[in-house]
Amino acid sequence: MRITVVDGDITEQDVDAIVNAANSSLLGGGGVDGAIHRAAGPELLQHCRTLRAHHWPEGLPPGRAASTPAAQLPADWVIHTVGPNRHAGETDPSVLASCFRESLLEALRLGATSVAFPGIGAGVYGWEADDVAQAARLALTEVPGRWDALEEVRFVLFSATVADAFREHLSDLFA
């Protein structure tokens, strides 16, 4: 598996699946979530409404992941995950790590070989970039060989500060 870190726009990534740092409603929002919904078009919102109606009527809980078709994005799938919100008192780093782990498991379930992640929780949910990068590292290294079907895990980050933190914490994982 190749692990890459890039500064960029996750909505432009040509990968099998992109991960959305969603809110629990799955119906769009600000930050990465809003950007993905805008770029994907109204079809993504319809897919999310169907997902809510059939699988998550109370909303997607923090640390879980669910997928929809990607609508007008270059990717085939959007994997939605909800990070813990530090500003709301959700401070358990294992929930943050679960976002990455559950998203990777969902990517494997979909048959994806390439997946792009944002810095889940590093925006309005108040997690420091170092905490997010460490959570991603934990998810990627928890079970050796678990992610062998993945060819690339790409972290597409919105700021140089967040990208630098990811590069620092993931440097020894780069192939």
Protein backbone atom coordinates (compact mmCIF):
# COMPACT_ATOMS: atom_id res chain seq x y z
CA MET A 1 0.00 0.00 0.00
CA ARG A 2 1.24 3.45 -0.92
CA ILE A 3 0.42 6.28 1.48
CA THR A 4 0.53 9.80 0.10
CA VAL A 5 -0.14 13.24 1.55
CA VAL A 6 -1.11 16.11 -0.74
CA ASP A 7 -2.36 19.65 -0.37
CA GLY A 8 -5.45 19.91 -2.50
CA ASP A 9 -9.14 19.57 -3.14
CA ILE A 10 -10.58 16.18 -2.22
CA THR A 11 -13.45 16.64 -4.69
CA GLU A 12 -10.98 16.51 -7.60
CA GLN A 13 -9.31 13.22 -6.64
CA ASP A 14 -9.43 10.42 -9.18
CA VAL A 15 -9.65 7.51 -6.73
CA ASP A 16 -12.16 4.74 -6.18
CA ALA A 17 -13.55 6.34 -3.01
CA ILE A 18 -13.29 9.63 -1.20
CA VAL A 19 -14.08 9.99 2.47
CA ASN A 20 -16.44 12.72 3.59
CA ALA A 21 -15.99 14.31 7.01
CA ALA A 22 -19.77 14.39 7.37
CA ASN A 23 -22.11 15.52 10.07
CA SER A 24 -24.46 12.93 11.52
CA SER A 25 -27.42 14.07 9.42
CA LEU A 26 -25.56 13.05 6.22
CA LEU A 27 -27.42 15.88 4.50
CA GLY A 28 -24.53 18.24 3.81
CA GLY A 29 -22.98 20.99 5.84
CA GLY A 30 -19.90 23.18 5.85
CA GLY A 31 -16.22 22.52 5.28
CA VAL A 32 -15.30 19.29 3.50
CA ASP A 33 -18.88 18.03 3.76
CA GLY A 34 -20.28 21.08 1.99
CA ALA A 35 -17.56 21.04 -0.67
CA ILE A 36 -18.25 17.38 -1.47
CA HIS A 37 -22.00 17.92 -1.68
CA ARG A 38 -21.59 20.98 -3.93
CA ALA A 39 -19.17 19.21 -6.29
CA ALA A 40 -21.21 15.99 -6.42
CA GLY A 41 -24.47 17.74 -7.22
CA PRO A 42 -27.99 17.12 -5.92
CA GLU A 43 -27.83 13.39 -6.67
CA LEU A 44 -25.49 12.89 -3.68
CA LEU A 45 -28.02 14.48 -1.36
CA GLN A 46 -30.66 12.07 -2.67
CA HIS A 47 -28.34 9.10 -2.07
CA CYS A 48 -27.75 10.37 1.48
CA ARG A 49 -31.46 10.78 2.12
CA THR A 50 -31.99 7.18 1.02
CA LEU A 51 -29.14 6.01 3.28
CA ARG A 52 -30.71 7.86 6.21
CA ALA A 53 -34.18 6.50 5.52
CA HIS A 54 -33.09 2.87 5.19
CA HIS A 55 -30.08 2.49 7.49
CA TRP A 56 -29.48 5.48 9.77
CA PRO A 57 -32.82 7.16 10.63
CA GLU A 58 -31.29 8.69 13.78
CA GLY A 59 -28.20 9.84 11.89
CA LEU A 60 -24.75 8.31 11.51
CA PRO A 61 -22.99 8.11 14.90
CA PRO A 62 -19.44 9.40 15.40
CA GLY A 63 -16.81 6.83 14.49
CA ARG A 64 -19.01 4.91 12.03
CA ALA A 65 -18.90 4.93 8.21
CA ALA A 66 -21.42 4.40 5.42
CA SER A 67 -21.15 4.80 1.65
CA THR A 68 -23.09 6.17 -1.28
CA PRO A 69 -22.42 6.46 -5.00
CA ALA A 70 -20.34 9.58 -5.73
CA ALA A 71 -22.72 11.20 -8.24
CA GLN A 72 -20.78 13.77 -10.29
CA LEU A 73 -17.42 13.34 -8.55
CA PRO A 74 -14.48 11.60 -10.29
CA ALA A 75 -14.55 8.92 -7.57
CA ASP A 76 -17.00 6.03 -7.68
CA TRP A 77 -17.99 6.20 -4.02
CA VAL A 78 -18.26 8.62 -1.14
CA ILE A 79 -17.63 7.10 2.27
CA HIS A 80 -19.27 9.25 4.93
CA THR A 81 -17.87 9.25 8.46
CA VAL A 82 -18.65 11.46 11.43
CA GLY A 83 -15.78 12.60 13.59
CA PRO A 84 -16.12 13.37 17.27
CA ASN A 85 -16.71 17.06 17.92
CA ARG A 86 -14.25 18.36 20.54
CA HIS A 87 -16.29 21.54 20.91
CA ALA A 88 -19.26 19.40 21.99
CA GLY A 89 -17.15 17.52 24.56
CA GLU A 90 -16.44 14.49 22.33
CA THR A 91 -12.76 14.03 23.15
CA ASP A 92 -12.15 10.29 22.87
CA PRO A 93 -9.30 9.76 20.36
CA SER A 94 -10.40 6.16 19.81
CA VAL A 95 -13.60 7.47 18.18
CA LEU A 96 -11.48 9.59 15.85
CA ALA A 97 -9.31 6.56 14.99
CA SER A 98 -12.50 4.59 14.38
CA CYS A 99 -13.48 7.07 11.65
CA PHE A 100 -10.38 6.11 9.69
CA ARG A 101 -10.63 2.38 10.47
CA GLU A 102 -14.34 2.11 9.63
CA SER A 103 -13.83 4.10 6.42
CA LEU A 104 -11.02 1.76 5.35
CA LEU A 105 -13.22 -1.25 6.11
CA GLU A 106 -16.02 0.29 4.04
CA ALA A 107 -13.57 0.90 1.17
CA LEU A 108 -12.58 -2.77 1.26
CA ARG A 109 -16.25 -3.82 1.36
CA LEU A 110 -16.83 -1.74 -1.78
CA GLY A 111 -13.83 -3.31 -3.54
CA ALA A 112 -11.96 0.00 -3.67
CA THR A 113 -8.20 -0.09 -4.14
CA SER A 114 -7.63 3.65 -3.75
CA VAL A 115 -9.16 5.95 -1.16
CA ALA A 116 -8.68 9.64 -0.37
CA PHE A 117 -9.19 11.04 3.14
CA PRO A 118 -9.55 14.58 4.43
CA GLY A 119 -8.22 15.51 7.86
CA ILE A 120 -11.31 14.21 9.67
CA GLY A 121 -11.99 16.36 12.71
CA ALA A 122 -9.20 18.87 11.95
CA GLY A 123 -11.61 21.60 10.89
CA VAL A 124 -14.66 22.88 12.71
CA TYR A 125 -14.73 19.83 15.01
CA GLY A 126 -11.67 21.22 16.78
CA TRP A 127 -9.10 18.42 16.73
CA GLU A 128 -5.44 19.40 16.42
CA ALA A 129 -3.75 18.24 13.20
CA ASP A 130 -1.29 16.12 15.21
CA ASP A 131 -4.17 14.29 16.95
CA VAL A 132 -5.86 13.58 13.62
CA ALA A 133 -2.64 12.36 12.00
CA GLN A 134 -1.94 10.07 14.95
CA ALA A 135 -5.48 8.65 14.74
CA ALA A 136 -4.97 7.96 11.03
CA ARG A 137 -1.64 6.27 11.77
CA LEU A 138 -3.26 4.11 14.45
CA ALA A 139 -5.96 2.97 12.04
CA LEU A 140 -3.43 2.17 9.31
CA THR A 141 -1.11 0.17 11.56
CA GLU A 142 -3.47 -1.58 13.97
CA VAL A 143 -3.49 -4.96 12.20
CA PRO A 144 -0.54 -5.71 9.90
CA GLY A 145 -1.71 -7.00 6.52
CA ARG A 146 -5.32 -5.96 7.06
CA TRP A 147 -5.26 -3.33 4.32
CA ASP A 148 -3.30 -5.33 1.70
CA ALA A 149 -6.05 -4.99 -0.93
CA LEU A 150 -5.61 -1.21 -0.88
CA GLU A 151 -3.08 0.11 -3.38
CA GLU A 152 -3.18 3.73 -2.22
CA VAL A 153 -4.41 5.68 0.76
CA ARG A 154 -4.17 9.38 -0.03
CA PHE A 155 -4.61 12.14 2.52
CA VAL A 156 -5.84 15.29 0.76
CA LEU A 157 -5.51 18.15 3.18
CA PHE A 158 -6.80 21.69 3.12
CA SER A 159 -3.83 23.47 4.70
CA ALA A 160 -0.06 23.22 4.76
CA THR A 161 -0.11 22.97 8.57
CA VAL A 162 -2.38 19.91 8.52
CA ALA A 163 -0.45 18.36 5.61
CA ASP A 164 2.86 18.86 7.47
CA ALA A 165 1.47 17.14 10.57
CA PHE A 166 0.34 14.18 8.47
CA ARG A 167 3.70 13.95 6.72
CA GLU A 168 5.49 13.97 10.07
CA HIS A 169 3.31 11.32 11.70
CA LEU A 170 3.06 9.06 8.65
CA SER A 171 6.59 9.45 7.27
CA ASP A 172 7.78 5.95 8.23
CA LEU A 173 4.66 4.41 6.64
CA PHE A 174 5.38 5.82 3.18
CA ALA A 175 6.29 3.12 0.69
